[in-house]
Amino acid sequence: MKFRKTGIFLLCMVLVLFLSGVSSPAMEEEEDFLPRLIAANIRGTDTTVILEIKEGERVRTLGGYALWRISAEVVRSFKGEFLPGEEIRYHRTTETEFPPPEKGSRHIVSFVLEEGNLVIPDEGYHFPWSPDLEEKVDALLSPSS
């Protein structure tokens, strides 16, 4: 009987911890994945900036993909020669069900230069921005990290 009470007590404690929002190492690892990915993108590309979307227009649809022409303003540059306030125009390919980039939304975007053009290497280089995400990326890029 004592074993059964101990088991029920432990089960209740696990449930309380789960419901109280105590995160597991797996959850923490998942939360840290995006900042680590962006920091790696910054190290491996020519330019990474925080952009504010001014306009997004679908220019072509092919199969399940849409090509967008996007105009944006640089808010901050992590890497590269762009200064805050500069306008950038680029193309982004998404699946067709993705909504258009919302005017005024901010994104962290990494580009490579191909024949003088800004090119997003793949889908894993364009992410919605948040102050928390920017802070985590900065911490990963700091020399003490």
C-alpha atoms as a PDB file:
ATOM      1  CA  MET A   1       0.000   0.000   0.000  1.00  0.00           C
ATOM      2  CA  LYS A   2       2.864   2.365   0.835  1.00  0.00           C
ATOM      3  CA  PHE A   3       4.301   1.814  -2.676  1.00  0.00           C
ATOM      4  CA  ARG A   4       0.970   2.710  -4.252  1.00  0.00           C
ATOM      5  CA  LYS A   5       0.674   5.970  -2.241  1.00  0.00           C
ATOM      6  CA  THR A   6       4.238   6.912  -3.167  1.00  0.00           C
ATOM      7  CA  GLY A   7       3.511   6.218  -6.839  1.00  0.00           C
ATOM      8  CA  ILE A   8       0.365   8.343  -6.764  1.00  0.00           C
ATOM      9  CA  PHE A   9       2.264  11.131  -4.961  1.00  0.00           C
ATOM     10  CA  LEU A  10       5.029  11.068  -7.597  1.00  0.00           C
ATOM     11  CA  LEU A  11       2.495  11.086 -10.413  1.00  0.00           C
ATOM     12  CA  CYS A  12       0.766  14.087  -8.851  1.00  0.00           C
ATOM     13  CA  MET A  13       4.100  15.923  -8.494  1.00  0.00           C
ATOM     14  CA  VAL A  14       4.949  15.290 -12.149  1.00  0.00           C
ATOM     15  CA  LEU A  15       1.520  16.581 -13.158  1.00  0.00           C
ATOM     16  CA  VAL A  16       1.906  19.701 -10.988  1.00  0.00           C
ATOM     17  CA  LEU A  17       5.343  20.414 -12.486  1.00  0.00           C
ATOM     18  CA  PHE A  18       4.018  19.904 -15.993  1.00  0.00           C
ATOM     19  CA  LEU A  19       1.035  22.167 -15.454  1.00  0.00           C
ATOM     20  CA  SER A  20       3.134  24.848 -13.742  1.00  0.00           C
ATOM     21  CA  GLY A  21       5.151  25.374 -16.894  1.00  0.00           C
ATOM     22  CA  VAL A  22       8.448  23.926 -15.777  1.00  0.00           C
ATOM     23  CA  SER A  23      10.213  23.284 -19.060  1.00  0.00           C
ATOM     24  CA  SER A  24      12.078  20.161 -19.884  1.00  0.00           C
ATOM     25  CA  PRO A  25      15.538  20.115 -21.452  1.00  0.00           C
ATOM     26  CA  ALA A  26      13.897  19.078 -24.745  1.00  0.00           C
ATOM     27  CA  MET A  27      11.593  22.130 -24.652  1.00  0.00           C
ATOM     28  CA  GLU A  28      14.521  24.426 -23.851  1.00  0.00           C
ATOM     29  CA  GLU A  29      16.530  22.922 -26.685  1.00  0.00           C
ATOM     30  CA  GLU A  30      13.649  23.525 -29.100  1.00  0.00           C
ATOM     31  CA  GLU A  31      13.316  27.164 -27.928  1.00  0.00           C
ATOM     32  CA  ASP A  32      17.056  27.692 -28.447  1.00  0.00           C
ATOM     33  CA  PHE A  33      17.079  26.093 -31.899  1.00  0.00           C
ATOM     34  CA  LEU A  34      15.890  29.163 -33.836  1.00  0.00           C
ATOM     35  CA  PRO A  35      18.392  31.628 -32.322  1.00  0.00           C
ATOM     36  CA  ARG A  36      21.199  29.121 -32.929  1.00  0.00           C
ATOM     37  CA  LEU A  37      20.056  28.629 -36.533  1.00  0.00           C
ATOM     38  CA  ILE A  38      19.948  32.387 -37.168  1.00  0.00           C
ATOM     39  CA  ALA A  39      23.395  32.876 -35.597  1.00  0.00           C
ATOM     40  CA  ALA A  40      24.729  30.148 -37.907  1.00  0.00           C
ATOM     41  CA  ASN A  41      23.006  31.827 -40.865  1.00  0.00           C
ATOM     42  CA  ILE A  42      24.693  35.118 -39.971  1.00  0.00           C
ATOM     43  CA  ARG A  43      28.098  33.448 -39.875  1.00  0.00           C
ATOM     44  CA  GLY A  44      27.520  31.614 -43.170  1.00  0.00           C
ATOM     45  CA  THR A  45      25.972  34.282 -45.387  1.00  0.00           C
ATOM     46  CA  ASP A  46      27.016  37.634 -46.841  1.00  0.00           C
ATOM     47  CA  THR A  47      24.300  39.783 -45.282  1.00  0.00           C
ATOM     48  CA  THR A  48      21.805  39.425 -42.433  1.00  0.00           C
ATOM     49  CA  VAL A  49      19.392  42.214 -41.534  1.00  0.00           C
ATOM     50  CA  ILE A  50      16.219  42.960 -39.664  1.00  0.00           C
ATOM     51  CA  LEU A  51      13.763  44.277 -42.235  1.00  0.00           C
ATOM     52  CA  GLU A  52      10.402  46.011 -42.006  1.00  0.00           C
ATOM     53  CA  ILE A  53       8.163  45.019 -44.897  1.00  0.00           C
ATOM     54  CA  LYS A  54       6.896  47.919 -47.001  1.00  0.00           C
ATOM     55  CA  GLU A  55       5.267  45.909 -49.783  1.00  0.00           C
ATOM     56  CA  GLY A  56       4.945  42.319 -50.911  1.00  0.00           C
ATOM     57  CA  GLU A  57       3.550  41.287 -54.254  1.00  0.00           C
ATOM     58  CA  ARG A  58       3.074  37.789 -55.639  1.00  0.00           C
ATOM     59  CA  VAL A  59       4.678  37.782 -59.063  1.00  0.00           C
ATOM     60  CA  ARG A  60       4.320  34.125 -60.018  1.00  0.00           C
ATOM     61  CA  THR A  61       2.823  30.840 -58.914  1.00  0.00           C
ATOM     62  CA  LEU A  62       4.266  27.550 -60.098  1.00  0.00           C
ATOM     63  CA  GLY A  63       2.901  24.288 -58.780  1.00  0.00           C
ATOM     64  CA  GLY A  64       2.605  24.627 -55.010  1.00  0.00           C
ATOM     65  CA  TYR A  65       4.998  27.580 -54.784  1.00  0.00           C
ATOM     66  CA  ALA A  66       4.643  31.342 -55.002  1.00  0.00           C
ATOM     67  CA  LEU A  67       7.356  33.862 -55.837  1.00  0.00           C
ATOM     68  CA  TRP A  68       7.067  37.168 -53.979  1.00  0.00           C
ATOM     69  CA  ARG A  69       8.739  40.478 -54.818  1.00  0.00           C
ATOM     70  CA  ILE A  70       9.325  42.238 -51.516  1.00  0.00           C
ATOM     71  CA  SER A  71      10.312  45.814 -50.719  1.00  0.00           C
ATOM     72  CA  ALA A  72      11.572  46.417 -47.210  1.00  0.00           C
ATOM     73  CA  GLU A  73      13.510  48.891 -45.097  1.00  0.00           C
ATOM     74  CA  VAL A  74      16.560  47.915 -43.095  1.00  0.00           C
ATOM     75  CA  VAL A  75      15.982  48.305 -39.361  1.00  0.00           C
ATOM     76  CA  ARG A  76      19.286  46.774 -38.269  1.00  0.00           C
ATOM     77  CA  SER A  77      22.223  45.073 -39.902  1.00  0.00           C
ATOM     78  CA  PHE A  78      23.860  42.083 -38.190  1.00  0.00           C
ATOM     79  CA  LYS A  79      26.267  41.557 -41.064  1.00  0.00           C
ATOM     80  CA  GLY A  80      26.882  43.277 -44.378  1.00  0.00           C
ATOM     81  CA  GLU A  81      26.965  46.839 -45.603  1.00  0.00           C
ATOM     82  CA  PHE A  82      23.316  47.874 -45.348  1.00  0.00           C
ATOM     83  CA  LEU A  83      22.472  50.745 -43.024  1.00  0.00           C
ATOM     84  CA  PRO A  84      19.237  51.377 -41.118  1.00  0.00           C
ATOM     85  CA  GLY A  85      16.758  53.177 -43.352  1.00  0.00           C
ATOM     86  CA  GLU A  86      18.072  51.717 -46.615  1.00  0.00           C
ATOM     87  CA  GLU A  87      15.547  50.067 -48.910  1.00  0.00           C
ATOM     88  CA  ILE A  88      16.056  46.493 -50.035  1.00  0.00           C
ATOM     89  CA  ARG A  89      14.170  44.687 -52.778  1.00  0.00           C
ATOM     90  CA  TYR A  90      14.360  40.929 -53.008  1.00  0.00           C
ATOM     91  CA  HIS A  91      12.443  37.826 -54.014  1.00  0.00           C
ATOM     92  CA  ARG A  92      11.229  35.074 -51.731  1.00  0.00           C
ATOM     93  CA  THR A  93       9.723  31.725 -52.670  1.00  0.00           C
ATOM     94  CA  THR A  94       7.137  30.189 -50.338  1.00  0.00           C
ATOM     95  CA  GLU A  95       4.513  27.509 -50.502  1.00  0.00           C
ATOM     96  CA  THR A  96       1.333  28.944 -52.035  1.00  0.00           C
ATOM     97  CA  GLU A  97      -0.679  28.685 -48.811  1.00  0.00           C
ATOM     98  CA  PHE A  98       1.693  31.085 -47.030  1.00  0.00           C
ATOM     99  CA  PRO A  99       0.028  34.498 -46.664  1.00  0.00           C
ATOM    100  CA  PRO A 100       1.655  37.561 -48.205  1.00  0.00           C
ATOM    101  CA  PRO A 101       4.238  39.291 -46.038  1.00  0.00           C
ATOM    102  CA  GLU A 102       2.278  41.714 -43.885  1.00  0.00           C
ATOM    103  CA  LYS A 103       3.085  45.391 -44.373  1.00  0.00           C
ATOM    104  CA  GLY A 104       4.892  46.703 -41.286  1.00  0.00           C
ATOM    105  CA  SER A 105       5.942  43.246 -40.084  1.00  0.00           C
ATOM    106  CA  ARG A 106       9.589  42.691 -39.258  1.00  0.00           C
ATOM    107  CA  HIS A 107      11.777  39.782 -40.228  1.00  0.00           C
ATOM    108  CA  ILE A 108      15.345  38.581 -39.762  1.00  0.00           C
ATOM    109  CA  VAL A 109      16.616  37.680 -43.217  1.00  0.00           C
ATOM    110  CA  SER A 110      19.969  36.279 -44.359  1.00  0.00           C
ATOM    111  CA  PHE A 111      21.137  36.665 -47.953  1.00  0.00           C
ATOM    112  CA  VAL A 112      23.972  35.537 -50.142  1.00  0.00           C
ATOM    113  CA  LEU A 113      25.137  37.719 -53.008  1.00  0.00           C
ATOM    114  CA  GLU A 114      24.837  36.145 -56.448  1.00  0.00           C
ATOM    115  CA  GLU A 115      25.991  38.359 -59.313  1.00  0.00           C
ATOM    116  CA  GLY A 116      25.266  41.407 -57.154  1.00  0.00           C
ATOM    117  CA  ASN A 117      21.724  40.277 -56.278  1.00  0.00           C
ATOM    118  CA  LEU A 118      20.430  39.459 -52.805  1.00  0.00           C
ATOM    119  CA  VAL A 119      19.327  35.823 -52.751  1.00  0.00           C
ATOM    120  CA  ILE A 120      17.776  33.899 -49.873  1.00  0.00           C
ATOM    121  CA  PRO A 121      19.597  30.540 -49.923  1.00  0.00           C
ATOM    122  CA  ASP A 122      16.594  28.488 -48.754  1.00  0.00           C
ATOM    123  CA  GLU A 123      13.471  28.680 -46.587  1.00  0.00           C
ATOM    124  CA  GLY A 124      15.499  28.534 -43.357  1.00  0.00           C
ATOM    125  CA  TYR A 125      16.863  32.068 -43.804  1.00  0.00           C
ATOM    126  CA  HIS A 126      13.725  34.247 -43.401  1.00  0.00           C
ATOM    127  CA  PHE A 127      12.082  34.417 -39.965  1.00  0.00           C
ATOM    128  CA  PRO A 128       9.560  36.639 -38.185  1.00  0.00           C
ATOM    129  CA  TRP A 129      11.379  39.005 -35.821  1.00  0.00           C
ATOM    130  CA  SER A 130      10.693  39.526 -32.137  1.00  0.00           C
ATOM    131  CA  PRO A 131      12.644  41.493 -29.499  1.00  0.00           C
ATOM    132  CA  ASP A 132      13.248  38.245 -27.588  1.00  0.00           C
ATOM    133  CA  LEU A 133      14.608  36.496 -30.676  1.00  0.00           C
ATOM    134  CA  GLU A 134      16.925  39.418 -31.460  1.00  0.00           C
ATOM    135  CA  GLU A 135      18.219  39.400 -27.880  1.00  0.00           C
ATOM    136  CA  LYS A 136      18.945  35.657 -27.991  1.00  0.00           C
ATOM    137  CA  VAL A 137      20.759  35.975 -31.322  1.00  0.00           C
ATOM    138  CA  ASP A 138      22.843  38.884 -29.966  1.00  0.00           C
ATOM    139  CA  ALA A 139      23.817  36.775 -26.958  1.00  0.00           C
ATOM    140  CA  LEU A 140      24.953  33.936 -29.229  1.00  0.00           C
ATOM    141  CA  LEU A 141      26.999  36.328 -31.358  1.00  0.00           C
ATOM    142  CA  SER A 142      28.713  38.056 -28.443  1.00  0.00           C
ATOM    143  CA  PRO A 143      32.440  37.285 -28.145  1.00  0.00           C
ATOM    144  CA  SER A 144      31.939  35.756 -24.693  1.00  0.00           C
ATOM    145  CA  SER A 145      29.588  33.062 -26.075  1.00  0.00           C
END
